[in-house]
Amino acid sequence: MIASFGCMAAVVTILARMQSQPLSHWTFLISLNATIATFITAAKSMALLVLAACIAQSKWILFKSSARKLRELDLFEDASRGPLGSLMLLLHVRWRLGIASIGAIATVLALGVDTFAQQVVGFDTREVEIYDRGASFGLSRIYNGSSEGIFNITATPFFKCHSKCVWKESYVSLGFVSNCADVTVATLASNITRNDAQYYDHDNWMTTPGNISIYAHFSQTSEATKVNVVAVSLVPNAAGGQPFAPEFVRIAVVRSSESYMGEPQVFRDTLEVVECTVSLTAYTYSDMSASGNQLNIKSNPTPLQPAPSFRMLVFNQTGLPILQSTSADIIALVQLFTSPRFSGEIREGETSTTPPQGIGLSLRNGDISKAFENMAHSMTEQLRSSNDVAAYGLTVTSIVFVRVRWAWLAFPFGILAASALLLFATVINNCNHKCHLWKSSMVAILYHQVVIQEDAKGVLHTDMQSLEQLKALANGTKARLE
């Protein structure tokens, strides 16, 4: 019984250590379930040995206390050998044997121990956040002069995540922002039309609220401006000693939806004018999560204060990391905006000889403000892709955890407790009846003889006085079946 309870103690110890722990923490050669099942099976087997010994010894105690049918010797022997014999003993003696009946019941019930053992350990799959540097989000604190994002307005966010990832903190990166406004009414109010009477040309010159001069050309039945883009620099003069503001370029876009076959006044009335300012800004990213190629993120732009020096632009303000650029890189970017690669006019007509310039083709349809917003986003993502700082997040992975269902151990412990109580009761009962510990010894039965008394009742008699004497005689005696 000590070994049996030792096995169950090992089970409890293992389960207590593995409770709510990742299954990967179990590094033994044999799986956790197999180990638990092995210990419980061993405990059950040793408990059954105790039960068998108690049942076998019970027959001697019962025959000592009263006369019984000799056939019951076979019933007891079969009961000590397994569940079927125990069941037959219960059926034939009708549960009147006290300790022997308890042992037989426990032997039958022990058949269910293995089933209960299989239910003790369960497994739960949980999503766990781990720091393995597998989740990263690029940040840029220094503008490196990149301008590719101006023409690629469908850039995807730059990040790395192999499965599911989260970023618990907020992060700041240098970026670009555009602020656009529909200034059609105010701009058309400043319209000055220049006419060429010979060709019936109408150059609708106008000035935006941001002081950008722009025009829309119309020549009836010949050609008309569809889109005209004009960019002007906001970079201060280096010799002026002025602070370098984060706003570095202002752009005006005039667009017409009227055909060149229409009337001049109708053409003018359908003009749309949008003015945008592109600036450096600080983006604060928060509530970030990713699944595969899909990134969920909240971004909040924070306006930057003017940089005090001209050559090296250092934006240093409370609550933000130091963000930097050089004036040369910003000036180069402005020159790109003001060059024919970006600025220029697109005309439509039968006699138009003006080649298209700038990005007007991408602005012929759709929301102009949204297009510039996408451009600023693309420029920001392009800048982040050359990140000089990495924000590492947490990888969300599925891990199998051990869940111990302690209630299923009650049955195996119950069988062990019944075996221990039966052993104790058998010892006490055996002492009270002063029986030898013959248990299931076949030699002991051979050295007993049935003596018929005067009342016609038989008595099992032996001259053996101790188990040691019986063993010595058995070792020294040879016999052959006749």
Foldseek 3Di string as FASTA:
>chain_A
DVLLVVLVVVLVVVCVVQAFHFLVVDDDPDHPLVSLLVSLVVSLVVLLLLLLLLLLLLVLLVVLVDPDDPVVNVLSNQLSVALVSLVVNCVPVVLPSPLNVLSNVLRNLSVCLSVLSNVFKDKDKDWDWAFDLQKKAFAAQEFDLDQVLLPVLPDAFDIGFDFKFWAADKDKHKFKAKDKDWQLVVFQVQWDWDADVVQRKTWTWTAGPVGDIDTWIAGAQFKTWAKFKAKDFPADDQVVQDFGAQFTMKMKMKGFPDGSNDDPVVRSVRIIMMMMIMGMWMWMKHRWMDGHRDIDIDIDTDGFGTANHQAKGWGDDPPHDIGIYGNVSSVVNSCCCRDQQAGGTDMDGDNDPDDTTHDVVVVSDDDPSVSVRSSRVSRRSVSSVVGPDMRGTIHIDITMGMHGDVVSVPSSVVSSVSSVVSSVVSVVSCVVSVDASCRSPPLVQVQWDWDQDPVRGTRTDHPDDHPVVSVVVVVVDDDDDD
